[in-house]
C-alpha cells in the first residue's frame, strides 16, 4: 500500500481527499492530511510517504519543498474533484511501480508516458511538480525547450465510428496511440517523444517533445515527417483518414500547465 501526504489550505481540495472512498481499492492507505507545511515537515521524520500533494503559498512551503526534492519525492496534483483524483492516483501508482522496477531501462518509457499524458489532460498545475518529474525522468531541459502541439482531426469521424470501426471511442484512441504515440525508443521518432490525447469531438492533440534540446526548425521538420508517415499508416491499416488541423509551437512544457502555479 502506498501513502499520500496532502498539505493544503484549500477547503475543496482537503474535502476531496477526506471524502474520497477509493484509496484502498487503488492501493493506498488513507492520506496524511495537513494544513500547515511545518506540521507536514515534522511528520516526514516518522512516516513513510510515497507521494506528496502541496497547495499552500510558496513562502510557507519553501522548507518543505527543499526536504522533499532532496528525497526525490513524487508530487501529486492537488485536485478538488473525485474523478480527477482517481485518474491522478492511477497514474501515480504506475510511476511509483515503474521507479521500483528492477530493470531501469523498462521503467523510463512508462514513466514518460504517464507524465506527458497528465500534462495533456490538464491535470498538472504546479511548475515545481512538473520540474521535479522532469528531473526524475532525466529531462530537466524540456520545461523550457521548444515542443509542438499538433491538432489532428478525423475526416468523416462520426461516419467512421458508426459504419467502419464500431468498437467505441476509447478503443479507437488505444488503436491510434499504437500508431501515433512513441516514447523515442523507436528509430523513426528521431529522439522525440509523441503523446496522443483522448478523442474529443473528432479531434486529438499530439504532443511532440524532444528528449534532448532541439531548435524549432529541425523539431518541426522531424515531427511533421513522422506524423505524415503515421497518418498514412493509419489510413492503410485502419481505413481512417486524419488531417493536421493546426501546429502550435510551445516555449516548453510549462505552457501546458493548467492554471499554472508559479511555486
Protein backbone atom coordinates (compact mmCIF):
# COMPACT_ATOMS: atom_id res chain seq x y z
CA UNK A 1 0.00 0.00 0.00
CA UNK A 2 1.25 3.49 -0.84
CA UNK A 3 0.76 6.61 1.26
CA UNK A 4 0.00 10.14 0.06
CA UNK A 5 0.57 13.30 2.07
CA UNK A 6 -1.61 16.34 1.35
CA UNK A 7 -0.62 19.81 2.53
CA UNK A 8 -3.24 22.42 1.67
CA UNK A 9 -5.15 25.43 2.90
CA UNK A 10 -7.78 24.93 0.19
CA UNK A 11 -11.04 23.64 1.67
CA UNK A 12 -12.28 21.98 -1.54
CA UNK A 13 -9.04 20.06 -2.08
CA UNK A 14 -8.93 18.95 1.56
CA UNK A 15 -12.57 17.82 1.46
CA UNK A 16 -11.98 15.86 -1.75
CA UNK A 17 -9.08 13.91 -0.21
CA UNK A 18 -11.03 13.34 3.02
CA UNK A 19 -14.20 12.09 1.31
CA UNK A 20 -12.55 10.04 -1.45
CA UNK A 21 -13.62 6.41 -0.98
CA UNK A 22 -11.32 4.54 -3.37
CA UNK A 23 -7.97 4.83 -1.57
CA UNK A 24 -7.72 1.13 -0.65
CA UNK A 25 -9.14 -0.02 -3.97
CA UNK A 26 -6.38 1.91 -5.78
CA UNK A 27 -3.65 0.59 -3.49
CA UNK A 28 -3.32 3.46 -0.99
CA UNK A 29 -3.72 3.92 2.74
CA UNK A 30 -5.82 6.83 3.96
CA UNK A 31 -3.85 10.02 3.19
CA UNK A 32 -1.94 12.12 5.71
CA UNK A 33 -3.70 15.50 5.74
CA UNK A 34 -2.09 18.75 6.91
CA UNK A 35 -2.99 22.41 6.65
CA UNK A 36 0.49 23.51 7.76
CA UNK A 37 3.74 22.92 5.89
CA UNK A 38 5.58 22.89 9.22
CA UNK A 39 3.45 20.05 10.58
CA UNK A 40 3.93 18.09 7.35
CA UNK A 41 7.69 18.58 7.54
CA UNK A 42 7.75 17.23 11.08
CA UNK A 43 5.67 14.20 10.08
CA UNK A 44 8.22 13.18 7.45
CA UNK A 45 10.62 12.17 10.23
CA UNK A 46 8.27 9.42 11.45
CA UNK A 47 6.07 8.42 8.49
CA UNK A 48 6.84 6.75 5.16
CA UNK A 49 5.36 8.77 2.31
CA UNK A 50 5.38 7.82 -1.37
CA UNK A 51 3.88 10.96 -2.92
CA UNK A 52 3.05 14.47 -1.73
CA UNK A 53 0.41 16.96 -2.84
CA UNK A 54 1.04 20.59 -1.88
CA UNK A 55 -1.28 23.57 -2.29
CA UNK A 56 -0.13 26.30 0.09
CA UNK A 57 1.58 29.65 -0.65
CA UNK A 58 5.20 29.23 -1.85
CA UNK A 59 6.58 31.31 1.01
CA UNK A 60 5.14 28.88 3.54
CA UNK A 61 6.27 25.72 1.76
CA UNK A 62 9.90 26.51 0.80
CA UNK A 63 11.49 24.40 3.56
CA UNK A 64 9.12 21.51 2.84
CA UNK A 65 9.91 21.57 -0.89
CA UNK A 66 13.65 21.60 -0.11
CA UNK A 67 13.28 18.49 2.01
CA UNK A 68 11.07 16.67 -0.48
CA UNK A 69 13.23 17.39 -3.52
CA UNK A 70 16.17 16.01 -1.57
CA UNK A 71 14.17 12.79 -1.14
CA UNK A 72 13.41 12.56 -4.92
CA UNK A 73 9.77 12.58 -3.94
CA UNK A 74 6.88 12.17 -6.37
CA UNK A 75 4.41 15.05 -6.40
CA UNK A 76 0.66 14.56 -6.80
CA UNK A 77 -1.67 17.19 -8.24
CA UNK A 78 -3.93 18.78 -5.57
CA UNK A 79 -7.22 18.23 -7.39
CA UNK A 80 -10.63 19.09 -5.98
CA UNK A 81 -12.77 16.53 -7.87
CA UNK A 82 -13.03 12.82 -7.08
CA UNK A 83 -12.85 11.66 -10.71
CA UNK A 84 -9.69 13.67 -11.29
CA UNK A 85 -8.15 12.30 -8.09
CA UNK A 86 -8.79 8.73 -9.23
CA UNK A 87 -7.03 9.40 -12.55
CA UNK A 88 -4.09 11.08 -10.81
CA UNK A 89 -3.72 8.21 -8.32
CA UNK A 90 -3.80 5.54 -11.03
CA UNK A 91 -1.03 7.33 -12.89
CA UNK A 92 0.95 7.90 -9.71
CA UNK A 93 0.82 4.17 -8.98
CA UNK A 94 2.28 3.45 -12.39
CA UNK A 95 5.11 5.91 -11.80
CA UNK A 96 5.92 4.53 -8.35
CA UNK A 97 5.88 0.96 -9.59
CA UNK A 98 7.97 1.86 -12.62
CA UNK A 99 10.62 3.52 -10.45
CA UNK A 100 10.70 0.44 -8.25
CA UNK A 101 11.13 -1.89 -11.21
CA UNK A 102 14.33 -3.88 -11.18
CA UNK A 103 15.21 -3.08 -14.79
CA UNK A 104 15.78 0.67 -15.11
CA UNK A 105 15.50 0.67 -18.90
CA UNK A 106 11.98 -0.80 -18.77
CA UNK A 107 10.59 1.87 -16.47
CA UNK A 108 11.51 5.04 -18.36
CA UNK A 109 9.03 4.83 -21.29
CA UNK A 110 6.13 4.09 -18.93
CA UNK A 111 7.04 6.99 -16.63
CA UNK A 112 7.37 9.34 -19.59
CA UNK A 113 4.01 8.28 -21.00
CA UNK A 114 2.32 8.84 -17.64
CA UNK A 115 3.93 12.25 -17.22
CA UNK A 116 3.13 13.55 -20.71
CA UNK A 117 -0.44 12.22 -20.55
CA UNK A 118 -1.00 14.02 -17.25
CA UNK A 119 0.10 17.29 -18.86
CA UNK A 120 -2.10 16.79 -21.92
CA UNK A 121 -5.14 16.03 -19.77
CA UNK A 122 -4.74 19.31 -17.87
CA UNK A 123 -4.14 17.59 -14.52
CA UNK A 124 -0.84 19.27 -13.69
CA UNK A 125 -0.83 22.78 -12.22
CA UNK A 126 2.45 23.39 -10.45
CA UNK A 127 5.77 24.26 -12.06
CA UNK A 128 7.68 22.70 -9.19
CA UNK A 129 5.75 19.42 -9.60
CA UNK A 130 6.49 19.43 -13.33
CA UNK A 131 10.18 20.22 -12.92
CA UNK A 132 10.53 17.57 -10.22
CA UNK A 133 9.12 14.90 -12.51
CA UNK A 134 11.26 16.04 -15.43
CA UNK A 135 14.33 15.71 -13.23
CA UNK A 136 13.29 12.20 -12.19
CA UNK A 137 12.88 11.35 -15.88
CA UNK A 138 16.26 12.85 -16.76
CA UNK A 139 14.61 15.58 -18.89
CA UNK A 140 15.09 18.83 -16.93
CA UNK A 141 15.57 20.93 -20.07
CA UNK A 142 12.17 20.02 -21.50
CA UNK A 143 10.41 22.56 -19.27
CA UNK A 144 11.85 25.43 -21.31
CA UNK A 145 12.76 23.84 -24.66
CA UNK A 146 10.52 24.16 -27.75
CA UNK A 147 7.91 21.46 -28.33
CA UNK A 148 4.95 21.12 -30.68
CA UNK A 149 1.25 20.63 -30.02
CA UNK A 150 -0.42 19.26 -33.15
CA UNK A 151 -4.19 19.07 -33.57
CA UNK A 152 -5.37 16.10 -35.63
CA UNK A 153 -8.88 15.74 -36.99
CA UNK A 154 -10.76 12.64 -38.11
CA UNK A 155 -12.20 13.14 -41.57
CA UNK A 156 -15.83 11.94 -41.54
CA UNK A 157 -15.23 10.82 -37.97
CA UNK A 158 -18.80 10.11 -36.90
CA UNK A 159 -19.48 8.08 -40.04
CA UNK A 160 -16.26 6.14 -39.43
CA UNK A 161 -17.23 5.34 -35.85
CA UNK A 162 -20.72 4.29 -36.88
CA UNK A 163 -20.07 2.38 -40.12
CA UNK A 164 -16.48 1.10 -40.01
CA UNK A 165 -14.98 1.00 -36.53
CA UNK A 166 -18.00 0.18 -34.30
CA UNK A 167 -15.85 -0.52 -31.20
CA UNK A 168 -16.27 2.84 -29.49
CA UNK A 169 -14.10 5.89 -28.99
CA UNK A 170 -11.98 4.51 -26.16
CA UNK A 171 -10.76 1.51 -28.19
CA UNK A 172 -10.17 3.73 -31.20
CA UNK A 173 -7.99 6.01 -29.08
CA UNK A 174 -5.99 2.99 -27.92
CA UNK A 175 -5.55 1.84 -31.51
CA UNK A 176 -4.43 5.28 -32.68
CA UNK A 177 -1.88 5.51 -29.87
CA UNK A 178 -0.21 2.38 -31.21
CA UNK A 179 0.43 4.24 -34.44
CA UNK A 180 0.95 7.84 -33.36
CA UNK A 181 2.43 7.59 -29.87
CA UNK A 182 6.13 6.92 -29.36
CA UNK A 183 8.43 7.50 -26.39
CA UNK A 184 11.54 7.99 -28.56
CA UNK A 185 12.60 4.38 -28.17
CA UNK A 186 11.99 3.75 -31.86
CA UNK A 187 14.46 4.90 -34.53
CA UNK A 188 11.69 6.57 -36.53
CA UNK A 189 10.96 9.09 -33.77
CA UNK A 190 14.33 10.93 -34.04
CA UNK A 191 14.65 11.39 -30.29
CA UNK A 192 11.20 12.98 -29.96
CA UNK A 193 8.52 11.66 -27.62
CA UNK A 194 5.00 11.71 -29.08
CA UNK A 195 1.95 11.53 -26.81
CA UNK A 196 -1.65 11.42 -28.02
CA UNK A 197 -4.60 12.82 -26.07
CA UNK A 198 -8.06 11.29 -25.97
CA UNK A 199 -10.54 11.73 -28.79
CA UNK A 200 -12.89 14.69 -28.32
CA UNK A 201 -15.36 15.95 -30.91
CA UNK A 202 -13.43 14.21 -33.65
CA UNK A 203 -10.08 15.81 -32.78
CA UNK A 204 -6.97 14.76 -30.86
CA UNK A 205 -3.89 16.60 -29.69
CA UNK A 206 -0.45 15.14 -30.33
CA UNK A 207 2.43 16.45 -28.21
CA UNK A 208 5.90 16.27 -29.77
CA UNK A 209 8.59 16.77 -27.13
CA UNK A 210 12.35 16.36 -27.87
CA UNK A 211 14.13 14.39 -25.15
CA UNK A 212 17.27 16.47 -25.73
CA UNK A 213 17.21 20.19 -26.66
CA UNK A 214 16.32 20.77 -30.31
CA UNK A 215 15.76 24.05 -32.12
CA UNK A 216 12.45 24.89 -33.77
CA UNK A 217 13.28 24.17 -37.40
CA UNK A 218 14.61 20.59 -37.06
CA UNK A 219 11.90 19.82 -34.50
CA UNK A 220 9.17 20.82 -36.92
CA UNK A 221 10.86 19.01 -39.83
CA UNK A 222 11.28 15.73 -37.93
CA UNK A 223 7.84 15.90 -36.29
CA UNK A 224 5.89 16.62 -39.45
CA UNK A 225 7.73 13.89 -41.33
CA UNK A 226 6.90 11.41 -38.57
CA UNK A 227 3.25 12.47 -38.40
CA UNK A 228 2.81 12.27 -42.17
CA UNK A 229 4.19 8.73 -42.20
CA UNK A 230 1.97 7.63 -39.29
CA UNK A 231 -1.15 9.22 -40.77
CA UNK A 232 -0.52 7.21 -43.95
CA UNK A 233 -0.16 4.03 -41.86
CA UNK A 234 -3.41 4.76 -40.02
CA UNK A 235 -5.23 5.15 -43.34
CA UNK A 236 -3.69 1.92 -44.66
CA UNK A 237 -4.38 -0.27 -41.63
CA UNK A 238 -7.45 1.31 -40.02
CA UNK A 239 -9.09 2.85 -43.11
CA UNK A 240 -9.30 6.14 -41.22
CA UNK A 241 -8.33 9.46 -42.75
CA UNK A 242 -6.69 12.02 -40.47
CA UNK A 243 -5.68 15.58 -41.21
CA UNK A 244 -3.42 18.06 -39.43
CA UNK A 245 -5.62 20.97 -38.38
CA UNK A 246 -3.08 23.08 -36.50
CA UNK A 247 0.53 23.09 -35.34
CA UNK A 248 1.34 25.21 -32.29
CA UNK A 249 4.90 25.74 -31.11
CA UNK A 250 5.18 25.90 -27.31
CA UNK A 251 8.08 27.50 -25.48
CA UNK A 252 8.48 24.43 -23.30
CA UNK A 253 6.23 22.00 -21.45
CA UNK A 254 5.45 24.67 -18.85
CA UNK A 255 2.99 26.08 -21.41
CA UNK A 256 0.77 23.01 -20.82
CA UNK A 257 0.32 23.63 -17.09
CA UNK A 258 -3.35 24.12 -16.26
CA UNK A 259 -3.94 27.38 -14.35
CA UNK A 260 -0.20 27.41 -13.66
CA UNK A 261 1.02 27.83 -10.07
CA UNK A 262 4.43 29.54 -10.03
CA UNK A 263 5.77 27.96 -6.88
